[in-house]
């Protein structure tokens, strides 16, 4: 089966257009800070509290927060699911469940 490559437009539409490139590694802390700013704008109910400085200092911590939001979307059934022709590959290779809704809706919807 030929895989469809993810386009730049696809990535921009995921997660309310959050920055997704150039924030990895300590050399890019300014970009990481921009991502955290945009995340807080997109998800105003998310209170990082005392963990905000950790998010700004470590892309791993920020990735964990984004992963938790994706898990919430998956729990609510608000993610892209494999089509019939993608099911086989998704079963063997895995599937990244990307949210299909604005992130601010993740708090207003209950499972």
PDB file of N, CA and C in Angstrom:
ATOM      1  N   UNK A   1       0.841  -1.178   0.000  1.00  0.00           N
ATOM      2  CA  UNK A   1       0.000   0.000   0.000  1.00  0.00           C
ATOM      3  C   UNK A   1       0.885   1.241   0.000  1.00  0.00           C
ATOM      4  N   UNK A   2       0.608   2.161  -0.865  1.00  0.00           N
ATOM      5  CA  UNK A   2       1.354   3.423  -0.930  1.00  0.00           C
ATOM      6  C   UNK A   2       0.833   4.356   0.159  1.00  0.00           C
ATOM      7  N   UNK A   3       1.754   4.922   0.931  1.00  0.00           N
ATOM      8  CA  UNK A   3       1.365   5.832   2.000  1.00  0.00           C
ATOM      9  C   UNK A   3       1.203   7.244   1.475  1.00  0.00           C
ATOM     10  N   UNK A   4       0.216   7.924   1.985  1.00  0.00           N
ATOM     11  CA  UNK A   4       0.014   9.327   1.652  1.00  0.00           C
ATOM     12  C   UNK A   4       0.910  10.147   2.561  1.00  0.00           C
ATOM     13  N   UNK A   5       1.716  11.004   1.980  1.00  0.00           N
ATOM     14  CA  UNK A   5       2.594  11.869   2.770  1.00  0.00           C
ATOM     15  C   UNK A   5       1.771  12.981   3.396  1.00  0.00           C
ATOM     16  N   UNK A   6       2.119  13.327   4.622  1.00  0.00           N
ATOM     17  CA  UNK A   6       1.450  14.427   5.301  1.00  0.00           C
ATOM     18  C   UNK A   6       1.950  15.728   4.697  1.00  0.00           C
ATOM     19  N   UNK A   7       1.029  16.585   4.316  1.00  0.00           N
ATOM     20  CA  UNK A   7       1.420  17.849   3.707  1.00  0.00           C
ATOM     21  C   UNK A   7       1.605  18.914   4.778  1.00  0.00           C
ATOM     22  N   UNK A   8       2.267  19.983   4.408  1.00  0.00           N
ATOM     23  CA  UNK A   8       2.458  21.120   5.311  1.00  0.00           C
ATOM     24  C   UNK A   8       1.104  21.671   5.746  1.00  0.00           C
ATOM     25  N   UNK A   9       0.137  21.685   4.833  1.00  0.00           N
ATOM     26  CA  UNK A   9      -1.201  22.179   5.175  1.00  0.00           C
ATOM     27  C   UNK A   9      -1.855  21.271   6.204  1.00  0.00           C
ATOM     28  N   UNK A  10      -1.711  19.945   6.050  1.00  0.00           N
ATOM     29  CA  UNK A  10      -2.264  19.015   7.028  1.00  0.00           C
ATOM     30  C   UNK A  10      -1.705  19.315   8.408  1.00  0.00           C
ATOM     31  N   UNK A  11      -0.388  19.489   8.494  1.00  0.00           N
ATOM     32  CA  UNK A  11       0.236  19.743   9.784  1.00  0.00           C
ATOM     33  C   UNK A  11      -0.202  21.075  10.361  1.00  0.00           C
ATOM     34  N   UNK A  12      -0.393  22.071   9.529  1.00  0.00           N
ATOM     35  CA  UNK A  12      -0.823  23.380  10.026  1.00  0.00           C
ATOM     36  C   UNK A  12      -2.222  23.300  10.626  1.00  0.00           C
ATOM     37  N   UNK A  13      -3.078  22.465  10.058  1.00  0.00           N
ATOM     38  CA  UNK A  13      -4.451  22.377  10.535  1.00  0.00           C
ATOM     39  C   UNK A  13      -4.595  21.538  11.797  1.00  0.00           C
ATOM     40  N   UNK A  14      -3.604  20.751  12.126  1.00  0.00           N
ATOM     41  CA  UNK A  14      -3.645  19.943  13.335  1.00  0.00           C
ATOM     42  C   UNK A  14      -3.319  20.817  14.532  1.00  0.00           C
ATOM     43  N   UNK A  15      -4.079  20.672  15.580  1.00  0.00           N
ATOM     44  CA  UNK A  15      -3.762  21.377  16.818  1.00  0.00           C
ATOM     45  C   UNK A  15      -3.819  22.878  16.693  1.00  0.00           C
ATOM     46  N   UNK A  16      -4.830  23.386  15.996  1.00  0.00           N
ATOM     47  CA  UNK A  16      -5.052  24.832  15.899  1.00  0.00           C
ATOM     48  C   UNK A  16      -3.883  25.569  15.269  1.00  0.00           C
ATOM     49  N   UNK A  17      -3.134  24.911  14.399  1.00  0.00           N
ATOM     50  CA  UNK A  17      -2.024  25.566  13.730  1.00  0.00           C
ATOM     51  C   UNK A  17      -0.845  25.855  14.641  1.00  0.00           C
ATOM     52  N   UNK A  18      -0.660  25.043  15.673  1.00  0.00           N
ATOM     53  CA  UNK A  18       0.478  25.237  16.571  1.00  0.00           C
ATOM     54  C   UNK A  18       1.780  25.046  15.806  1.00  0.00           C
ATOM     55  N   UNK A  19       2.814  25.816  16.152  1.00  0.00           N
ATOM     56  CA  UNK A  19       4.120  25.598  15.508  1.00  0.00           C
ATOM     57  C   UNK A  19       4.575  24.152  15.744  1.00  0.00           C
ATOM     58  N   UNK A  20       5.091  23.529  14.719  1.00  0.00           N
ATOM     59  CA  UNK A  20       5.476  22.121  14.841  1.00  0.00           C
ATOM     60  C   UNK A  20       6.891  21.850  14.356  1.00  0.00           C
ATOM     61  N   UNK A  21       7.600  22.890  13.988  1.00  0.00           N
ATOM     62  CA  UNK A  21       8.983  22.728  13.533  1.00  0.00           C
ATOM     63  C   UNK A  21       9.877  23.741  14.221  1.00  0.00           C
ATOM     64  N   UNK A  22      11.124  23.352  14.405  1.00  0.00           N
ATOM     65  CA  UNK A  22      12.127  24.294  14.876  1.00  0.00           C
ATOM     66  C   UNK A  22      12.113  24.591  16.360  1.00  0.00           C
ATOM     67  N   UNK A  23      11.418  23.780  17.163  1.00  0.00           N
ATOM     68  CA  UNK A  23      11.388  24.033  18.608  1.00  0.00           C
ATOM     69  C   UNK A  23      12.186  23.002  19.402  1.00  0.00           C
ATOM     70  N   UNK A  24      12.721  22.020  18.739  1.00  0.00           N
ATOM     71  CA  UNK A  24      13.490  20.973  19.420  1.00  0.00           C
ATOM     72  C   UNK A  24      14.901  21.462  19.754  1.00  0.00           C
ATOM     73  N   UNK A  25      15.451  20.948  20.821  1.00  0.00           N
ATOM     74  CA  UNK A  25      16.819  21.206  21.288  1.00  0.00           C
ATOM     75  C   UNK A  25      16.929  22.546  22.008  1.00  0.00           C
ATOM     76  N   UNK A  26      17.885  22.604  22.908  1.00  0.00           N
ATOM     77  CA  UNK A  26      18.060  23.801  23.730  1.00  0.00           C
ATOM     78  C   UNK A  26      18.457  25.024  22.912  1.00  0.00           C
ATOM     79  N   UNK A  27      19.006  24.826  21.737  1.00  0.00           N
ATOM     80  CA  UNK A  27      19.373  25.961  20.890  1.00  0.00           C
ATOM     81  C   UNK A  27      18.144  26.712  20.384  1.00  0.00           C
ATOM     82  N   UNK A  28      16.970  26.104  20.504  1.00  0.00           N
ATOM     83  CA  UNK A  28      15.743  26.691  19.960  1.00  0.00           C
ATOM     84  C   UNK A  28      14.737  27.051  21.054  1.00  0.00           C
ATOM     85  N   UNK A  29      15.218  27.490  22.206  1.00  0.00           N
ATOM     86  CA  UNK A  29      14.318  27.799  23.317  1.00  0.00           C
ATOM     87  C   UNK A  29      13.344  28.927  22.992  1.00  0.00           C
ATOM     88  N   UNK A  30      13.743  29.884  22.162  1.00  0.00           N
ATOM     89  CA  UNK A  30      12.825  30.967  21.792  1.00  0.00           C
ATOM     90  C   UNK A  30      11.625  30.400  21.033  1.00  0.00           C
ATOM     91  N   UNK A  31      11.883  29.474  20.102  1.00  0.00           N
ATOM     92  CA  UNK A  31      10.795  28.841  19.356  1.00  0.00           C
ATOM     93  C   UNK A  31       9.929  27.978  20.270  1.00  0.00           C
ATOM     94  N   UNK A  32      10.563  27.300  21.211  1.00  0.00           N
ATOM     95  CA  UNK A  32       9.808  26.503  22.173  1.00  0.00           C
ATOM     96  C   UNK A  32       8.896  27.414  22.988  1.00  0.00           C
ATOM     97  N   UNK A  33       9.416  28.549  23.420  1.00  0.00           N
ATOM     98  CA  UNK A  33       8.602  29.507  24.162  1.00  0.00           C
ATOM     99  C   UNK A  33       7.420  29.995  23.340  1.00  0.00           C
ATOM    100  N   UNK A  34       7.649  30.206  22.035  1.00  0.00           N
ATOM    101  CA  UNK A  34       6.561  30.619  21.140  1.00  0.00           C
ATOM    102  C   UNK A  34       5.501  29.523  21.060  1.00  0.00           C
ATOM    103  N   UNK A  35       5.919  28.271  20.977  1.00  0.00           N
ATOM    104  CA  UNK A  35       4.979  27.156  20.952  1.00  0.00           C
ATOM    105  C   UNK A  35       4.157  27.129  22.237  1.00  0.00           C
ATOM    106  N   UNK A  36       4.795  27.300  23.381  1.00  0.00           N
ATOM    107  CA  UNK A  36       4.070  27.299  24.669  1.00  0.00           C
ATOM    108  C   UNK A  36       3.075  28.463  24.698  1.00  0.00           C
ATOM    109  N   UNK A  37       3.476  29.630  24.211  1.00  0.00           N
ATOM    110  CA  UNK A  37       2.556  30.776  24.145  1.00  0.00           C
ATOM    111  C   UNK A  37       1.332  30.447  23.300  1.00  0.00           C
ATOM    112  N   UNK A  38       1.575  29.894  22.104  1.00  0.00           N
ATOM    113  CA  UNK A  38       0.464  29.542  21.199  1.00  0.00           C
ATOM    114  C   UNK A  38      -0.411  28.444  21.797  1.00  0.00           C
ATOM    115  N   UNK A  39       0.192  27.496  22.487  1.00  0.00           N
ATOM    116  CA  UNK A  39      -0.568  26.433  23.134  1.00  0.00           C
ATOM    117  C   UNK A  39      -1.507  27.025  24.181  1.00  0.00           C
ATOM    118  N   UNK A  40      -1.014  27.963  24.967  1.00  0.00           N
ATOM    119  CA  UNK A  40      -1.847  28.580  25.994  1.00  0.00           C
ATOM    120  C   UNK A  40      -2.956  29.429  25.377  1.00  0.00           C
ATOM    121  N   UNK A  41      -2.711  30.029  24.221  1.00  0.00           N
ATOM    122  CA  UNK A  41      -3.763  30.766  23.516  1.00  0.00           C
ATOM    123  C   UNK A  41      -4.828  29.813  22.977  1.00  0.00           C
ATOM    124  N   UNK A  42      -4.396  28.678  22.432  1.00  0.00           N
ATOM    125  CA  UNK A  42      -5.314  27.711  21.826  1.00  0.00           C
ATOM    126  C   UNK A  42      -6.117  26.948  22.874  1.00  0.00           C
ATOM    127  N   UNK A  43      -5.542  26.785  24.052  1.00  0.00           N
ATOM    128  CA  UNK A  43      -6.183  26.000  25.113  1.00  0.00           C
ATOM    129  C   UNK A  43      -6.191  26.854  26.397  1.00  0.00           C
ATOM    130  N   UNK A  44      -7.026  27.892  26.439  1.00  0.00           N
ATOM    131  CA  UNK A  44      -6.983  28.820  27.566  1.00  0.00           C
ATOM    132  C   UNK A  44      -7.328  28.191  28.910  1.00  0.00           C
ATOM    133  N   UNK A  45      -8.039  27.080  28.915  1.00  0.00           N
ATOM    134  CA  UNK A  45      -8.390  26.409  30.165  1.00  0.00           C
ATOM    135  C   UNK A  45      -7.241  25.581  30.730  1.00  0.00           C
ATOM    136  N   UNK A  46      -6.203  25.371  29.940  1.00  0.00           N
ATOM    137  CA  UNK A  46      -5.060  24.569  30.388  1.00  0.00           C
ATOM    138  C   UNK A  46      -4.154  25.426  31.262  1.00  0.00           C
ATOM    139  N   UNK A  47      -4.085  25.105  32.523  1.00  0.00           N
ATOM    140  CA  UNK A  47      -3.244  25.839  33.475  1.00  0.00           C
ATOM    141  C   UNK A  47      -1.981  25.025  33.724  1.00  0.00           C
ATOM    142  N   UNK A  48      -0.886  25.470  33.150  1.00  0.00           N
ATOM    143  CA  UNK A  48       0.387  24.757  33.331  1.00  0.00           C
ATOM    144  C   UNK A  48       0.968  24.989  34.722  1.00  0.00           C
ATOM    145  N   UNK A  49       0.511  26.052  35.384  1.00  0.00           N
ATOM    146  CA  UNK A  49       0.944  26.335  36.752  1.00  0.00           C
ATOM    147  C   UNK A  49       2.457  26.338  36.892  1.00  0.00           C
ATOM    148  N   UNK A  50       2.921  25.660  37.917  1.00  0.00           N
ATOM    149  CA  UNK A  50       4.360  25.616  38.207  1.00  0.00           C
ATOM    150  C   UNK A  50       5.155  24.860  37.151  1.00  0.00           C
ATOM    151  N   UNK A  51       4.450  24.184  36.224  1.00  0.00           N
ATOM    152  CA  UNK A  51       5.126  23.410  35.179  1.00  0.00           C
ATOM    153  C   UNK A  51       5.414  24.232  33.925  1.00  0.00           C
ATOM    154  N   UNK A  52       4.894  25.452  33.859  1.00  0.00           N
ATOM    155  CA  UNK A  52       5.138  26.279  32.674  1.00  0.00           C
ATOM    156  C   UNK A  52       6.627  26.497  32.405  1.00  0.00           C
ATOM    157  N   UNK A  53       7.437  26.821  33.422  1.00  0.00           N
ATOM    158  CA  UNK A  53       8.878  26.979  33.138  1.00  0.00           C
ATOM    159  C   UNK A  53       9.522  25.694  32.594  1.00  0.00           C
ATOM    160  N   UNK A  54       9.033  24.547  33.046  1.00  0.00           N
ATOM    161  CA  UNK A  54       9.556  23.276  32.523  1.00  0.00           C
ATOM    162  C   UNK A  54       9.206  23.117  31.049  1.00  0.00           C
ATOM    163  N   UNK A  55       7.980  23.505  30.679  1.00  0.00           N
ATOM    164  CA  UNK A  55       7.568  23.430  29.272  1.00  0.00           C
ATOM    165  C   UNK A  55       8.434  24.342  28.412  1.00  0.00           C
ATOM    166  N   UNK A  56       8.795  25.495  28.942  1.00  0.00           N
ATOM    167  CA  UNK A  56       9.604  26.450  28.191  1.00  0.00           C
ATOM    168  C   UNK A  56      11.076  26.032  28.115  1.00  0.00           C
ATOM    169  N   UNK A  57      11.487  25.135  28.999  1.00  0.00           N
ATOM    170  CA  UNK A  57      12.884  24.707  29.053  1.00  0.00           C
ATOM    171  C   UNK A  57      13.138  23.361  28.381  1.00  0.00           C
ATOM    172  N   UNK A  58      12.083  22.575  28.165  1.00  0.00           N
ATOM    173  CA  UNK A  58      12.267  21.219  27.648  1.00  0.00           C
ATOM    174  C   UNK A  58      11.211  20.875  26.611  1.00  0.00           C
ATOM    175  N   UNK A  59      11.653  20.594  25.396  1.00  0.00           N
ATOM    176  CA  UNK A  59      10.710  20.173  24.361  1.00  0.00           C
ATOM    177  C   UNK A  59      10.065  18.842  24.731  1.00  0.00           C
ATOM    178  N   UNK A  60      10.731  18.032  25.537  1.00  0.00           N
ATOM    179  CA  UNK A  60      10.152  16.756  25.954  1.00  0.00           C
ATOM    180  C   UNK A  60       8.926  16.982  26.832  1.00  0.00           C
ATOM    181  N   UNK A  61       9.007  17.952  27.726  1.00  0.00           N
ATOM    182  CA  UNK A  61       7.876  18.252  28.606  1.00  0.00           C
ATOM    183  C   UNK A  61       6.712  18.808  27.786  1.00  0.00           C
ATOM    184  N   UNK A  62       7.014  19.719  26.862  1.00  0.00           N
ATOM    185  CA  UNK A  62       5.960  20.280  26.010  1.00  0.00           C
ATOM    186  C   UNK A  62       5.338  19.193  25.145  1.00  0.00           C
ATOM    187  N   UNK A  63       6.155  18.301  24.606  1.00  0.00           N
ATOM    188  CA  UNK A  63       5.623  17.184  23.824  1.00  0.00           C
ATOM    189  C   UNK A  63       4.687  16.318  24.660  1.00  0.00           C
ATOM    190  N   UNK A  64       5.001  16.136  25.934  1.00  0.00           N
ATOM    191  CA  UNK A  64       4.136  15.351  26.814  1.00  0.00           C
ATOM    192  C   UNK A  64       2.780  16.027  26.996  1.00  0.00           C
ATOM    193  N   UNK A  65       2.776  17.358  27.114  1.00  0.00           N
ATOM    194  CA  UNK A  65       1.514  18.096  27.251  1.00  0.00           C
ATOM    195  C   UNK A  65       0.690  17.949  25.970  1.00  0.00           C
ATOM    196  N   UNK A  66       1.324  18.105  24.824  1.00  0.00           N
ATOM    197  CA  UNK A  66       0.627  17.958  23.546  1.00  0.00           C
ATOM    198  C   UNK A  66       0.097  16.532  23.400  1.00  0.00           C
ATOM    199  N   UNK A  67       0.875  15.553  23.818  1.00  0.00           N
ATOM    200  CA  UNK A  67       0.428  14.155  23.756  1.00  0.00           C
ATOM    201  C   UNK A  67      -0.780  13.920  24.657  1.00  0.00           C
ATOM    202  N   UNK A  68      -0.788  14.554  25.814  1.00  0.00           N
ATOM    203  CA  UNK A  68      -1.934  14.426  26.722  1.00  0.00           C
ATOM    204  C   UNK A  68      -3.192  15.026  26.091  1.00  0.00           C
ATOM    205  N   UNK A  69      -3.045  16.136  25.383  1.00  0.00           N
ATOM    206  CA  UNK A  69      -4.193  16.723  24.687  1.00  0.00           C
ATOM    207  C   UNK A  69      -4.687  15.798  23.579  1.00  0.00           C
ATOM    208  N   UNK A  70      -3.768  15.174  22.860  1.00  0.00           N
ATOM    209  CA  UNK A  70      -4.159  14.217  21.818  1.00  0.00           C
ATOM    210  C   UNK A  70      -4.858  13.012  22.437  1.00  0.00           C
ATOM    211  N   UNK A  71      -4.387  12.558  23.590  1.00  0.00           N
ATOM    212  CA  UNK A  71      -5.032  11.436  24.280  1.00  0.00           C
ATOM    213  C   UNK A  71      -6.447  11.816  24.720  1.00  0.00           C
ATOM    214  N   UNK A  72      -6.623  13.047  25.190  1.00  0.00           N
ATOM    215  CA  UNK A  72      -7.957  13.525  25.575  1.00  0.00           C
ATOM    216  C   UNK A  72      -8.877  13.524  24.354  1.00  0.00           C
ATOM    217  N   UNK A  73      -8.382  14.028  23.230  1.00  0.00           N
ATOM    218  CA  UNK A  73      -9.184  14.035  22.009  1.00  0.00           C
ATOM    219  C   UNK A  73      -9.553  12.613  21.596  1.00  0.00           C
ATOM    220  N   UNK A  74      -8.605  11.689  21.719  1.00  0.00           N
ATOM    221  CA  UNK A  74      -8.881  10.288  21.376  1.00  0.00           C
ATOM    222  C   UNK A  74      -9.944   9.700  22.300  1.00  0.00           C
ATOM    223  N   UNK A  75      -9.866  10.013  23.582  1.00  0.00           N
ATOM    224  CA  UNK A  75     -10.852   9.499  24.539  1.00  0.00           C
ATOM    225  C   UNK A  75     -12.254  10.002  24.221  1.00  0.00           C
ATOM    226  N   UNK A  76     -12.333  11.189  23.629  1.00  0.00           N
ATOM    227  CA  UNK A  76     -13.624  11.775  23.275  1.00  0.00           C
ATOM    228  C   UNK A  76     -14.079  11.399  21.868  1.00  0.00           C
ATOM    229  N   UNK A  77     -13.238  10.653  21.155  1.00  0.00           N
ATOM    230  CA  UNK A  77     -13.578  10.261  19.792  1.00  0.00           C
ATOM    231  C   UNK A  77     -13.449  11.407  18.800  1.00  0.00           C
ATOM    232  N   UNK A  78     -12.603  12.368  19.107  1.00  0.00           N
ATOM    233  CA  UNK A  78     -12.430  13.553  18.270  1.00  0.00           C
ATOM    234  C   UNK A  78     -11.077  13.540  17.564  1.00  0.00           C
ATOM    235  N   UNK A  79     -10.748  12.403  16.951  1.00  0.00           N
ATOM    236  CA  UNK A  79      -9.476  12.237  16.256  1.00  0.00           C
ATOM    237  C   UNK A  79      -9.695  11.572  14.904  1.00  0.00           C
ATOM    238  N   UNK A  80      -8.710  11.713  14.038  1.00  0.00           N
ATOM    239  CA  UNK A  80      -8.733  11.012  12.758  1.00  0.00           C
ATOM    240  C   UNK A  80      -8.528   9.527  13.021  1.00  0.00           C
ATOM    241  N   UNK A  81      -9.331   8.698  12.380  1.00  0.00           N
ATOM    242  CA  UNK A  81      -9.205   7.248  12.521  1.00  0.00           C
ATOM    243  C   UNK A  81      -8.838   6.658  11.158  1.00  0.00           C
ATOM    244  N   UNK A  82      -8.207   5.486  11.160  1.00  0.00           N
ATOM    245  CA  UNK A  82      -7.820   4.884   9.879  1.00  0.00           C
ATOM    246  C   UNK A  82      -9.036   4.563   9.018  1.00  0.00           C
ATOM    247  N   UNK A  83      -8.908   4.805   7.726  1.00  0.00           N
ATOM    248  CA  UNK A  83      -9.950   4.393   6.786  1.00  0.00           C
ATOM    249  C   UNK A  83      -9.812   2.887   6.575  1.00  0.00           C
ATOM    250  N   UNK A  84     -10.754   2.304   5.906  1.00  0.00           N
ATOM    251  CA  UNK A  84     -10.715   0.875   5.651  1.00  0.00           C
ATOM    252  C   UNK A  84      -9.416   0.405   5.036  1.00  0.00           C
ATOM    253  N   UNK A  85      -8.916   1.137   4.054  1.00  0.00           N
ATOM    254  CA  UNK A  85      -7.670   0.726   3.388  1.00  0.00           C
ATOM    255  C   UNK A  85      -6.439   0.983   4.253  1.00  0.00           C
ATOM    256  N   UNK A  86      -6.546   1.803   5.277  1.00  0.00           N
ATOM    257  CA  UNK A  86      -5.413   2.102   6.156  1.00  0.00           C
ATOM    258  C   UNK A  86      -5.365   1.201   7.392  1.00  0.00           C
ATOM    259  N   UNK A  87      -6.427   0.468   7.647  1.00  0.00           N
ATOM    260  CA  UNK A  87      -6.528  -0.331   8.866  1.00  0.00           C
ATOM    261  C   UNK A  87      -5.407  -1.347   9.001  1.00  0.00           C
ATOM    262  N   UNK A  88      -5.074  -2.045   7.941  1.00  0.00           N
ATOM    263  CA  UNK A  88      -4.005  -3.050   7.999  1.00  0.00           C
ATOM    264  C   UNK A  88      -2.677  -2.443   8.410  1.00  0.00           C
ATOM    265  N   UNK A  89      -2.302  -1.372   7.735  1.00  0.00           N
ATOM    266  CA  UNK A  89      -1.037  -0.717   8.061  1.00  0.00           C
ATOM    267  C   UNK A  89      -1.086  -0.132   9.471  1.00  0.00           C
ATOM    268  N   UNK A  90      -2.217   0.440   9.854  1.00  0.00           N
ATOM    269  CA  UNK A  90      -2.337   1.019  11.200  1.00  0.00           C
ATOM    270  C   UNK A  90      -2.216  -0.060  12.271  1.00  0.00           C
ATOM    271  N   UNK A  91      -2.720  -1.245  11.982  1.00  0.00           N
ATOM    272  CA  UNK A  91      -2.638  -2.348  12.937  1.00  0.00           C
ATOM    273  C   UNK A  91      -1.198  -2.803  13.145  1.00  0.00           C
ATOM    274  N   UNK A  92      -0.421  -2.845  12.080  1.00  0.00           N
ATOM    275  CA  UNK A  92       0.956  -3.320  12.206  1.00  0.00           C
ATOM    276  C   UNK A  92       1.958  -2.217  12.514  1.00  0.00           C
ATOM    277  N   UNK A  93       1.708  -1.020  11.997  1.00  0.00           N
ATOM    278  CA  UNK A  93       2.674   0.070  12.156  1.00  0.00           C
ATOM    279  C   UNK A  93       2.283   1.080  13.237  1.00  0.00           C
ATOM    280  N   UNK A  94       1.041   1.070  13.649  1.00  0.00           N
ATOM    281  CA  UNK A  94       0.559   2.043  14.623  1.00  0.00           C
ATOM    282  C   UNK A  94      -0.148   3.191  13.937  1.00  0.00           C
ATOM    283  N   UNK A  95      -0.817   4.006  14.740  1.00  0.00           N
ATOM    284  CA  UNK A  95      -1.592   5.118  14.212  1.00  0.00           C
ATOM    285  C   UNK A  95      -1.464   6.292  15.165  1.00  0.00           C
ATOM    286  N   UNK A  96      -1.158   7.454  14.651  1.00  0.00           N
ATOM    287  CA  UNK A  96      -1.115   8.657  15.472  1.00  0.00           C
ATOM    288  C   UNK A  96      -2.476   9.318  15.357  1.00  0.00           C
ATOM    289  N   UNK A  97      -3.175   9.378  16.471  1.00  0.00           N
ATOM    290  CA  UNK A  97      -4.530   9.920  16.506  1.00  0.00           C
ATOM    291  C   UNK A  97      -4.470  11.437  16.634  1.00  0.00           C
ATOM    292  N   UNK A  98      -4.608  12.134  15.528  1.00  0.00           N
ATOM    293  CA  UNK A  98      -4.544  13.588  15.522  1.00  0.00           C
ATOM    294  C   UNK A  98      -5.931  14.171  15.761  1.00  0.00           C
ATOM    295  N   UNK A  99      -6.029  15.186  16.626  1.00  0.00           N
ATOM    296  CA  UNK A  99      -7.336  15.805  16.890  1.00  0.00           C
ATOM    297  C   UNK A  99      -7.961  16.380  15.612  1.00  0.00           C
ATOM    298  N   UNK A 100      -9.283  16.254  15.533  1.00  0.00           N
ATOM    299  CA  UNK A 100     -10.033  16.783  14.394  1.00  0.00           C
ATOM    300  C   UNK A 100     -10.898  17.961  14.813  1.00  0.00           C
ATOM    301  N   UNK A 101     -10.644  18.507  15.968  1.00  0.00           N
ATOM    302  CA  UNK A 101     -11.441  19.593  16.520  1.00  0.00           C
ATOM    303  C   UNK A 101     -10.515  20.644  17.114  1.00  0.00           C
ATOM    304  N   UNK A 102     -10.962  21.879  17.218  1.00  0.00           N
ATOM    305  CA  UNK A 102     -10.140  22.865  17.927  1.00  0.00           C
ATOM    306  C   UNK A 102      -9.857  22.377  19.350  1.00  0.00           C
ATOM    307  N   UNK A 103      -8.659  22.615  19.819  1.00  0.00           N
ATOM    308  CA  UNK A 103      -8.242  22.099  21.118  1.00  0.00           C
ATOM    309  C   UNK A 103      -9.070  22.648  22.266  1.00  0.00           C
ATOM    310  N   UNK A 104      -9.621  23.843  22.120  1.00  0.00           N
ATOM    311  CA  UNK A 104     -10.404  24.410  23.224  1.00  0.00           C
ATOM    312  C   UNK A 104     -11.693  23.629  23.475  1.00  0.00           C
ATOM    313  N   UNK A 105     -12.107  22.782  22.522  1.00  0.00           N
ATOM    314  CA  UNK A 105     -13.307  21.951  22.714  1.00  0.00           C
ATOM    315  C   UNK A 105     -13.065  20.717  23.575  1.00  0.00           C
ATOM    316  N   UNK A 106     -11.809  20.432  23.861  1.00  0.00           N
ATOM    317  CA  UNK A 106     -11.516  19.206  24.614  1.00  0.00           C
ATOM    318  C   UNK A 106     -11.989  19.275  26.056  1.00  0.00           C
ATOM    319  N   UNK A 107     -12.162  20.441  26.609  1.00  0.00           N
ATOM    320  CA  UNK A 107     -12.641  20.549  27.977  1.00  0.00           C
ATOM    321  C   UNK A 107     -14.166  20.589  28.027  1.00  0.00           C
ATOM    322  N   UNK A 108     -14.796  21.117  26.985  1.00  0.00           N
ATOM    323  CA  UNK A 108     -16.241  21.306  26.995  1.00  0.00           C
ATOM    324  C   UNK A 108     -17.008  20.025  26.673  1.00  0.00           C
ATOM    325  N   UNK A 109     -16.322  19.033  26.162  1.00  0.00           N
ATOM    326  CA  UNK A 109     -16.971  17.787  25.779  1.00  0.00           C
ATOM    327  C   UNK A 109     -16.637  16.722  26.812  1.00  0.00           C
ATOM    328  N   UNK A 110     -17.622  15.938  27.187  1.00  0.00           N
ATOM    329  CA  UNK A 110     -17.342  14.860  28.130  1.00  0.00           C
ATOM    330  C   UNK A 110     -17.560  13.517  27.465  1.00  0.00           C
ATOM    331  N   UNK A 111     -16.778  12.506  27.885  1.00  0.00           N
ATOM    332  CA  UNK A 111     -16.870  11.187  27.251  1.00  0.00           C
ATOM    333  C   UNK A 111     -18.200  10.513  27.516  1.00  0.00           C
TER     334      UNK A 111
END
